[in-house]
C-alpha atoms as a PDB file:
ATOM      1  CA  MET A   1       0.000   0.000   0.000  1.00  0.00           C
ATOM      2  CA  ALA A   2       1.342   3.443  -0.934  1.00  0.00           C
ATOM      3  CA  ALA A   3       2.776   5.639   1.806  1.00  0.00           C
ATOM      4  CA  GLU A   4       0.318   8.417   0.887  1.00  0.00           C
ATOM      5  CA  THR A   5      -2.619   6.054   1.443  1.00  0.00           C
ATOM      6  CA  LEU A   6      -1.257   4.901   4.779  1.00  0.00           C
ATOM      7  CA  ASP A   7      -0.835   8.538   5.823  1.00  0.00           C
ATOM      8  CA  MET A   8      -4.493   9.263   4.976  1.00  0.00           C
ATOM      9  CA  PHE A   9      -5.563   6.197   6.959  1.00  0.00           C
ATOM     10  CA  ALA A  10      -3.464   7.361   9.937  1.00  0.00           C
ATOM     11  CA  GLN A  11      -5.068  10.821   9.876  1.00  0.00           C
ATOM     12  CA  ALA A  12      -8.518   9.225   9.744  1.00  0.00           C
ATOM     13  CA  LYS A  13      -7.662   6.911  12.652  1.00  0.00           C
ATOM     14  CA  THR A  14      -6.709   9.899  14.800  1.00  0.00           C
ATOM     15  CA  VAL A  15     -10.083  11.632  14.415  1.00  0.00           C
ATOM     16  CA  LEU A  16     -11.979   8.340  14.720  1.00  0.00           C
ATOM     17  CA  ASP A  17     -10.220   7.473  17.963  1.00  0.00           C
ATOM     18  CA  GLN A  18     -10.908  10.889  19.481  1.00  0.00           C
ATOM     19  CA  ALA A  19     -14.605  11.045  18.583  1.00  0.00           C
ATOM     20  CA  ARG A  20     -17.411   9.657  20.716  1.00  0.00           C
ATOM     21  CA  ARG A  21     -20.633  10.886  19.071  1.00  0.00           C
ATOM     22  CA  ILE A  22     -20.537  10.388  15.301  1.00  0.00           C
ATOM     23  CA  VAL A  23     -22.951  10.811  12.395  1.00  0.00           C
ATOM     24  CA  ILE A  24     -22.225   9.036   9.092  1.00  0.00           C
ATOM     25  CA  ILE A  25     -23.789  10.618   6.004  1.00  0.00           C
ATOM     26  CA  ALA A  26     -24.718   8.740   2.810  1.00  0.00           C
ATOM     27  CA  HIS A  27     -25.234  10.695  -0.419  1.00  0.00           C
ATOM     28  CA  ARG A  28     -28.635  11.671  -1.773  1.00  0.00           C
ATOM     29  CA  ASN A  29     -30.340   9.080  -4.037  1.00  0.00           C
ATOM     30  CA  THR A  30     -28.239   6.614  -2.115  1.00  0.00           C
ATOM     31  CA  ASP A  31     -27.089   3.193  -3.283  1.00  0.00           C
ATOM     32  CA  ALA A  32     -25.593  -0.075  -2.080  1.00  0.00           C
ATOM     33  CA  ASP A  33     -22.027   1.220  -1.770  1.00  0.00           C
ATOM     34  CA  ALA A  34     -23.080   4.243   0.276  1.00  0.00           C
ATOM     35  CA  VAL A  35     -25.427   2.251   2.518  1.00  0.00           C
ATOM     36  CA  GLY A  36     -23.107  -0.747   2.855  1.00  0.00           C
ATOM     37  CA  SER A  37     -20.090   1.372   3.755  1.00  0.00           C
ATOM     38  CA  ASN A  38     -22.185   3.437   6.158  1.00  0.00           C
ATOM     39  CA  LEU A  39     -23.441   0.429   8.087  1.00  0.00           C
ATOM     40  CA  ALA A  40     -20.068  -1.344   8.110  1.00  0.00           C
ATOM     41  CA  MET A  41     -18.328   1.724   9.525  1.00  0.00           C
ATOM     42  CA  ARG A  42     -21.156   2.211  11.998  1.00  0.00           C
ATOM     43  CA  GLU A  43     -20.822  -1.326  13.372  1.00  0.00           C
ATOM     44  CA  ALA A  44     -17.038  -1.006  13.569  1.00  0.00           C
ATOM     45  CA  LEU A  45     -17.356   2.182  15.615  1.00  0.00           C
ATOM     46  CA  GLU A  46     -20.212   0.900  17.793  1.00  0.00           C
ATOM     47  CA  ASN A  47     -18.030  -2.093  18.651  1.00  0.00           C
ATOM     48  CA  GLN A  48     -15.670   0.457  20.209  1.00  0.00           C
ATOM     49  CA  GLY A  49     -18.420   1.919  22.366  1.00  0.00           C
ATOM     50  CA  LYS A  50     -19.086   4.980  20.228  1.00  0.00           C
ATOM     51  CA  LEU A  51     -22.547   6.458  19.676  1.00  0.00           C
ATOM     52  CA  VAL A  52     -23.227   6.434  15.940  1.00  0.00           C
ATOM     53  CA  THR A  53     -26.106   7.696  13.782  1.00  0.00           C
ATOM     54  CA  SER A  54     -26.638   6.930  10.084  1.00  0.00           C
ATOM     55  CA  ALA A  55     -28.117   9.757   8.004  1.00  0.00           C
ATOM     56  CA  CYS A  56     -29.323  10.383   4.441  1.00  0.00           C
ATOM     57  CA  VAL A  57     -31.713  12.962   3.008  1.00  0.00           C
ATOM     58  CA  ASP A  58     -33.408  10.137   1.067  1.00  0.00           C
ATOM     59  CA  VAL A  59     -34.766   6.812   2.239  1.00  0.00           C
ATOM     60  CA  VAL A  60     -32.626   3.700   1.874  1.00  0.00           C
ATOM     61  CA  PRO A  61     -33.315   1.849  -1.412  1.00  0.00           C
ATOM     62  CA  GLU A  62     -35.269  -1.369  -1.231  1.00  0.00           C
ATOM     63  CA  ASN A  63     -32.323  -3.542  -2.254  1.00  0.00           C
ATOM     64  CA  CYS A  64     -30.426  -2.441   0.874  1.00  0.00           C
ATOM     65  CA  ARG A  65     -33.150  -2.876   3.460  1.00  0.00           C
ATOM     66  CA  PHE A  66     -32.119  -6.425   4.354  1.00  0.00           C
ATOM     67  CA  LEU A  67     -28.930  -5.068   5.947  1.00  0.00           C
ATOM     68  CA  PRO A  68     -29.173  -4.809   9.755  1.00  0.00           C
ATOM     69  CA  LYS A  69     -30.017  -1.257  10.936  1.00  0.00           C
ATOM     70  CA  ALA A  70     -30.770  -0.080   7.389  1.00  0.00           C
ATOM     71  CA  ASP A  71     -34.154   0.968   8.761  1.00  0.00           C
ATOM     72  CA  THR A  72     -32.589   3.343  11.297  1.00  0.00           C
ATOM     73  CA  PHE A  73     -31.278   6.012   8.901  1.00  0.00           C
ATOM     74  CA  VAL A  74     -32.463   9.488   9.887  1.00  0.00           C
ATOM     75  CA  GLN A  75     -33.412  12.169   7.355  1.00  0.00           C
ATOM     76  CA  ASP A  76     -32.404  15.046   9.619  1.00  0.00           C
ATOM     77  CA  PHE A  77     -30.000  15.748  12.493  1.00  0.00           C
ATOM     78  CA  ASN A  78     -28.351  18.556  14.426  1.00  0.00           C
ATOM     79  CA  PRO A  79     -24.605  18.777  13.645  1.00  0.00           C
ATOM     80  CA  SER A  80     -23.898  20.248  17.075  1.00  0.00           C
ATOM     81  CA  ASP A  81     -24.972  16.945  18.646  1.00  0.00           C
ATOM     82  CA  PHE A  82     -21.868  15.230  17.184  1.00  0.00           C
ATOM     83  CA  ASP A  83     -18.140  15.668  17.578  1.00  0.00           C
ATOM     84  CA  LEU A  84     -17.360  14.046  14.218  1.00  0.00           C
ATOM     85  CA  ILE A  85     -19.153  14.054  10.870  1.00  0.00           C
ATOM     86  CA  ILE A  86     -18.255  11.299   8.394  1.00  0.00           C
ATOM     87  CA  THR A  87     -19.294  11.398   4.751  1.00  0.00           C
ATOM     88  CA  GLN A  88     -18.868   8.211   2.731  1.00  0.00           C
ATOM     89  CA  ASP A  89     -19.233   7.682  -1.015  1.00  0.00           C
ATOM     90  CA  CYS A  90     -20.041  11.380  -1.564  1.00  0.00           C
ATOM     91  CA  GLY A  91     -18.367  12.220  -4.876  1.00  0.00           C
ATOM     92  CA  GLY A  92     -18.523  15.916  -3.983  1.00  0.00           C
ATOM     93  CA  HIS A  93     -19.959  18.059  -1.207  1.00  0.00           C
ATOM     94  CA  LYS A  94     -23.132  18.748  -3.224  1.00  0.00           C
ATOM     95  CA  VAL A  95     -24.343  15.138  -3.157  1.00  0.00           C
ATOM     96  CA  MET A  96     -24.183  15.164   0.638  1.00  0.00           C
ATOM     97  CA  ALA A  97     -27.257  17.449   0.348  1.00  0.00           C
ATOM     98  CA  PHE A  98     -27.438  18.211   4.086  1.00  0.00           C
ATOM     99  CA  HIS A  99     -25.145  21.225   3.574  1.00  0.00           C
ATOM    100  CA  GLU A 100     -28.061  23.018   1.906  1.00  0.00           C
ATOM    101  CA  THR A 101     -29.804  23.413   5.277  1.00  0.00           C
ATOM    102  CA  LYS A 102     -26.733  22.955   7.490  1.00  0.00           C
ATOM    103  CA  PRO A 103     -23.966  25.165   6.015  1.00  0.00           C
ATOM    104  CA  GLU A 104     -21.816  24.555   9.098  1.00  0.00           C
ATOM    105  CA  LEU A 105     -21.017  21.117   7.651  1.00  0.00           C
ATOM    106  CA  LEU A 106     -18.714  22.866   5.180  1.00  0.00           C
ATOM    107  CA  ASP A 107     -17.281  25.284   7.735  1.00  0.00           C
ATOM    108  CA  ARG A 108     -14.086  23.694   8.980  1.00  0.00           C
ATOM    109  CA  SER A 109     -14.013  26.066  11.976  1.00  0.00           C
ATOM    110  CA  LYS A 110     -17.351  24.680  13.179  1.00  0.00           C
ATOM    111  CA  THR A 111     -17.365  20.967  12.324  1.00  0.00           C
ATOM    112  CA  LEU A 112     -14.808  18.179  12.104  1.00  0.00           C
ATOM    113  CA  LEU A 113     -15.526  16.192   8.941  1.00  0.00           C
ATOM    114  CA  LEU A 114     -13.928  12.974   7.713  1.00  0.00           C
ATOM    115  CA  ASN A 115     -14.509  12.499   3.979  1.00  0.00           C
ATOM    116  CA  ILE A 116     -14.073   8.917   2.677  1.00  0.00           C
ATOM    117  CA  ASP A 117     -14.691   8.382  -1.034  1.00  0.00           C
ATOM    118  CA  HIS A 118     -13.520   6.796  -4.290  1.00  0.00           C
ATOM    119  CA  HIS A 119     -14.758   9.282  -6.920  1.00  0.00           C
ATOM    120  CA  ALA A 120     -12.341  11.364  -8.998  1.00  0.00           C
ATOM    121  CA  SER A 121     -14.897  14.187  -8.778  1.00  0.00           C
ATOM    122  CA  ASN A 122     -14.440  14.515  -4.999  1.00  0.00           C
ATOM    123  CA  ASP A 123     -13.580  18.112  -4.029  1.00  0.00           C
ATOM    124  CA  HIS A 124     -11.806  17.212  -0.759  1.00  0.00           C
ATOM    125  CA  PHE A 125     -14.275  19.103   1.402  1.00  0.00           C
ATOM    126  CA  GLY A 126     -13.344  17.368   4.650  1.00  0.00           C
ATOM    127  CA  THR A 127     -11.065  18.289   7.505  1.00  0.00           C
ATOM    128  CA  VAL A 128      -9.470  14.906   6.782  1.00  0.00           C
ATOM    129  CA  ASN A 129      -9.871  13.387   3.326  1.00  0.00           C
ATOM    130  CA  VAL A 130      -9.430   9.719   2.455  1.00  0.00           C
ATOM    131  CA  VAL A 131     -10.064   9.865  -1.290  1.00  0.00           C
ATOM    132  CA  LEU A 132      -8.786   7.027  -3.479  1.00  0.00           C
ATOM    133  CA  PRO A 133     -10.037   7.458  -7.074  1.00  0.00           C
ATOM    134  CA  GLU A 134      -8.367   4.200  -8.088  1.00  0.00           C
ATOM    135  CA  ALA A 135     -10.601   2.240  -5.687  1.00  0.00           C
ATOM    136  CA  PRO A 136     -13.702   0.660  -7.271  1.00  0.00           C
ATOM    137  CA  ALA A 137     -15.940   1.340  -4.249  1.00  0.00           C
ATOM    138  CA  THR A 138     -15.993   3.019  -0.869  1.00  0.00           C
ATOM    139  CA  CYS A 139     -16.563  -0.425   0.664  1.00  0.00           C
ATOM    140  CA  PHE A 140     -13.212  -1.433  -0.888  1.00  0.00           C
ATOM    141  CA  ILE A 141     -11.532   1.479   0.936  1.00  0.00           C
ATOM    142  CA  LEU A 142     -13.138   0.540   4.243  1.00  0.00           C
ATOM    143  CA  PHE A 143     -11.886  -3.025   3.975  1.00  0.00           C
ATOM    144  CA  LEU A 144      -8.346  -1.671   3.563  1.00  0.00           C
ATOM    145  CA  MET A 145      -8.814   0.729   6.464  1.00  0.00           C
ATOM    146  CA  PHE A 146     -10.216  -1.911   8.816  1.00  0.00           C
ATOM    147  CA  SER A 147      -7.422  -4.312   7.875  1.00  0.00           C
ATOM    148  CA  THR A 148      -4.774  -1.638   8.432  1.00  0.00           C
ATOM    149  CA  TYR A 149      -6.242  -0.758  11.834  1.00  0.00           C
ATOM    150  CA  GLY A 150      -6.559  -4.384  12.879  1.00  0.00           C
ATOM    151  CA  TRP A 151     -10.322  -4.001  13.355  1.00  0.00           C
ATOM    152  CA  GLY A 152     -12.300  -7.217  13.156  1.00  0.00           C
ATOM    153  CA  ILE A 153     -14.887  -7.659  10.414  1.00  0.00           C
ATOM    154  CA  SER A 154     -18.038  -9.487  11.507  1.00  0.00           C
ATOM    155  CA  PRO A 155     -20.284 -11.432   9.085  1.00  0.00           C
ATOM    156  CA  THR A 156     -22.765  -8.526   9.030  1.00  0.00           C
ATOM    157  CA  MET A 157     -19.981  -6.045   8.261  1.00  0.00           C
ATOM    158  CA  ALA A 158     -18.630  -8.394   5.582  1.00  0.00           C
ATOM    159  CA  THR A 159     -22.079  -8.619   3.963  1.00  0.00           C
ATOM    160  CA  ALA A 160     -22.472  -4.833   3.996  1.00  0.00           C
ATOM    161  CA  LEU A 161     -19.038  -4.383   2.404  1.00  0.00           C
ATOM    162  CA  MET A 162     -19.707  -7.124  -0.155  1.00  0.00           C
ATOM    163  CA  HIS A 163     -23.039  -5.500  -1.051  1.00  0.00           C
ATOM    164  CA  GLY A 164     -21.334  -2.219  -1.917  1.00  0.00           C
ATOM    165  CA  LEU A 165     -18.378  -3.781  -3.719  1.00  0.00           C
ATOM    166  CA  TYR A 166     -20.658  -6.042  -5.762  1.00  0.00           C
ATOM    167  CA  TYR A 167     -22.862  -3.085  -6.728  1.00  0.00           C
ATOM    168  CA  ASP A 168     -20.151  -0.613  -7.720  1.00  0.00           C
ATOM    169  CA  THR A 169     -18.284  -3.168  -9.825  1.00  0.00           C
ATOM    170  CA  GLY A 170     -21.500  -4.097 -11.664  1.00  0.00           C
ATOM    171  CA  SER A 171     -21.451  -7.600 -10.189  1.00  0.00           C
ATOM    172  CA  PHE A 172     -17.706  -7.745 -11.007  1.00  0.00           C
ATOM    173  CA  MET A 173     -18.331  -6.975 -14.695  1.00  0.00           C
ATOM    174  CA  HIS A 174     -17.137  -3.333 -14.835  1.00  0.00           C
ATOM    175  CA  THR A 175     -13.582  -2.458 -15.826  1.00  0.00           C
ATOM    176  CA  ASN A 176     -12.898  -1.317 -12.239  1.00  0.00           C
ATOM    177  CA  THR A 177     -12.920  -4.980 -11.148  1.00  0.00           C
ATOM    178  CA  SER A 178      -9.246  -5.360 -10.319  1.00  0.00           C
ATOM    179  CA  SER A 179      -7.504  -8.466  -9.057  1.00  0.00           C
ATOM    180  CA  THR A 180      -7.371  -6.775  -5.642  1.00  0.00           C
ATOM    181  CA  ALA A 181     -11.143  -6.243  -5.709  1.00  0.00           C
ATOM    182  CA  LEU A 182     -11.654  -9.938  -6.378  1.00  0.00           C
ATOM    183  CA  ARG A 183      -9.242 -10.898  -3.598  1.00  0.00           C
ATOM    184  CA  ILE A 184     -11.105  -8.636  -1.182  1.00  0.00           C
ATOM    185  CA  ALA A 185     -14.413 -10.155  -2.270  1.00  0.00           C
ATOM    186  CA  ALA A 186     -12.993 -13.620  -1.588  1.00  0.00           C
ATOM    187  CA  ARG A 187     -11.809 -12.487   1.832  1.00  0.00           C
ATOM    188  CA  LEU A 188     -15.229 -11.020   2.652  1.00  0.00           C
ATOM    189  CA  LYS A 189     -16.839 -14.290   1.609  1.00  0.00           C
ATOM    190  CA  ALA A 190     -14.483 -16.155   3.947  1.00  0.00           C
ATOM    191  CA  LEU A 191     -15.443 -13.752   6.741  1.00  0.00           C
ATOM    192  CA  GLY A 192     -19.095 -14.698   6.362  1.00  0.00           C
ATOM    193  CA  ALA A 193     -20.473 -12.299   3.737  1.00  0.00           C
ATOM    194  CA  ASP A 194     -23.841 -13.459   2.417  1.00  0.00           C
ATOM    195  CA  HIS A 195     -22.898 -13.103  -1.244  1.00  0.00           C
ATOM    196  CA  GLY A 196     -26.036 -14.907  -2.410  1.00  0.00           C
ATOM    197  CA  ARG A 197     -28.300 -12.437  -0.610  1.00  0.00           C
ATOM    198  CA  CYS A 198     -26.462  -9.513  -2.195  1.00  0.00           C
ATOM    199  CA  ILE A 199     -27.063 -11.000  -5.649  1.00  0.00           C
ATOM    200  CA  LYS A 200     -30.724 -11.682  -4.907  1.00  0.00           C
ATOM    201  CA  GLU A 201     -31.467  -8.198  -3.581  1.00  0.00           C
ATOM    202  CA  GLN A 202     -29.665  -6.381  -6.381  1.00  0.00           C
ATOM    203  CA  TYR A 203     -30.646  -8.441  -9.404  1.00  0.00           C
ATOM    204  CA  HIS A 204     -33.431 -10.907  -8.585  1.00  0.00           C
ATOM    205  CA  SER A 205     -35.967  -8.912  -6.588  1.00  0.00           C
ATOM    206  CA  HIS A 206     -37.596  -6.627  -9.161  1.00  0.00           C
ATOM    207  CA  SER A 207     -41.295  -5.987  -8.752  1.00  0.00           C
ATOM    208  CA  LEU A 208     -43.815  -6.649 -11.504  1.00  0.00           C
ATOM    209  CA  ALA A 209     -44.223  -2.873 -11.895  1.00  0.00           C
ATOM    210  CA  GLN A 210     -40.479  -2.464 -12.451  1.00  0.00           C
ATOM    211  CA  LEU A 211     -40.465  -5.200 -15.083  1.00  0.00           C
ATOM    212  CA  LYS A 212     -43.392  -3.575 -16.885  1.00  0.00           C
ATOM    213  CA  LEU A 213     -41.548  -0.246 -16.873  1.00  0.00           C
ATOM    214  CA  TRP A 214     -38.515  -1.942 -18.417  1.00  0.00           C
ATOM    215  CA  GLY A 215     -40.888  -3.442 -20.993  1.00  0.00           C
ATOM    216  CA  ARG A 216     -42.134  -0.018 -22.037  1.00  0.00           C
ATOM    217  CA  GLY A 217     -38.597   1.249 -22.392  1.00  0.00           C
ATOM    218  CA  LEU A 218     -37.533  -1.752 -24.453  1.00  0.00           C
ATOM    219  CA  GLU A 219     -40.621  -1.496 -26.652  1.00  0.00           C
ATOM    220  CA  ARG A 220     -39.638   2.044 -27.665  1.00  0.00           C
ATOM    221  CA  ALA A 221     -35.939   1.280 -28.167  1.00  0.00           C
ATOM    222  CA  SER A 222     -34.366   2.201 -31.489  1.00  0.00           C
ATOM    223  CA  LEU A 223     -30.923   2.445 -33.030  1.00  0.00           C
ATOM    224  CA  ASN A 224     -29.809   6.010 -33.827  1.00  0.00           C
ATOM    225  CA  SER A 225     -27.346   7.329 -36.420  1.00  0.00           C
ATOM    226  CA  LYS A 226     -24.446   6.871 -33.991  1.00  0.00           C
ATOM    227  CA  ASN A 227     -25.264   3.179 -33.608  1.00  0.00           C
ATOM    228  CA  ALA A 228     -26.461   3.667 -30.044  1.00  0.00           C
ATOM    229  CA  VAL A 229     -29.672   2.213 -28.634  1.00  0.00           C
ATOM    230  CA  VAL A 230     -31.934   4.949 -27.244  1.00  0.00           C
ATOM    231  CA  THR A 231     -35.352   4.939 -25.598  1.00  0.00           C
ATOM    232  CA  GLY A 232     -37.539   7.143 -23.439  1.00  0.00           C
ATOM    233  CA  LEU A 233     -39.846   6.938 -20.428  1.00  0.00           C
ATOM    234  CA  THR A 234     -42.448   9.504 -19.402  1.00  0.00           C
ATOM    235  CA  ALA A 235     -43.741  10.586 -16.020  1.00  0.00           C
ATOM    236  CA  LYS A 236     -46.977   8.821 -16.949  1.00  0.00           C
ATOM    237  CA  ASP A 237     -45.035   5.569 -17.453  1.00  0.00           C
ATOM    238  CA  PHE A 238     -43.734   5.793 -13.894  1.00  0.00           C
ATOM    239  CA  GLN A 239     -47.166   6.579 -12.529  1.00  0.00           C
END
């Protein structure tokens, strides 16, 4: 692991160790990587006796609701109630969304913020930033952090991390599926990750309404002059 990465992990460890009341923010229109990383970090910190809240301006997507405590995300909070704010999988401060009503989240003189992310678009808005654009998922970063810190990974944490890694690599089909990503997935499986449940929730649990919506989109599909398949859905289709 690069020295720069280890230095970022060390800075993060310092603020994590010092904090007692923590809120972990997932980005708006959240997904499996944001929710999985949120809940894995939450369990890791709760195991150390810390008081942790999960927050997101939007409700958790249906394919993540099987994860323990996914139903406890809050849609609002008071930053002054916490001594550390963590954002995870926020590719920029704007997708955090809470800053729109809580500007103090971006004021480094008022809040201590740990920003953990894997997007190249990240604008390093934290007091401490752990941003690794080469990582395929935030859950990938957390696995490296937990391993570096010597923190144990329970089966529920492993499932949460697997859920995010599986999602952000497109079920290991995207080009960001590195050999390291596959090794981490194998390690998570060995630690008790319910890989089968992740697959089921992400790809085999569509409702009849969702399938019908796909049908309408496919029915209207056509090939344009640039040899790309295009289609369209209306608000009425969703209704």
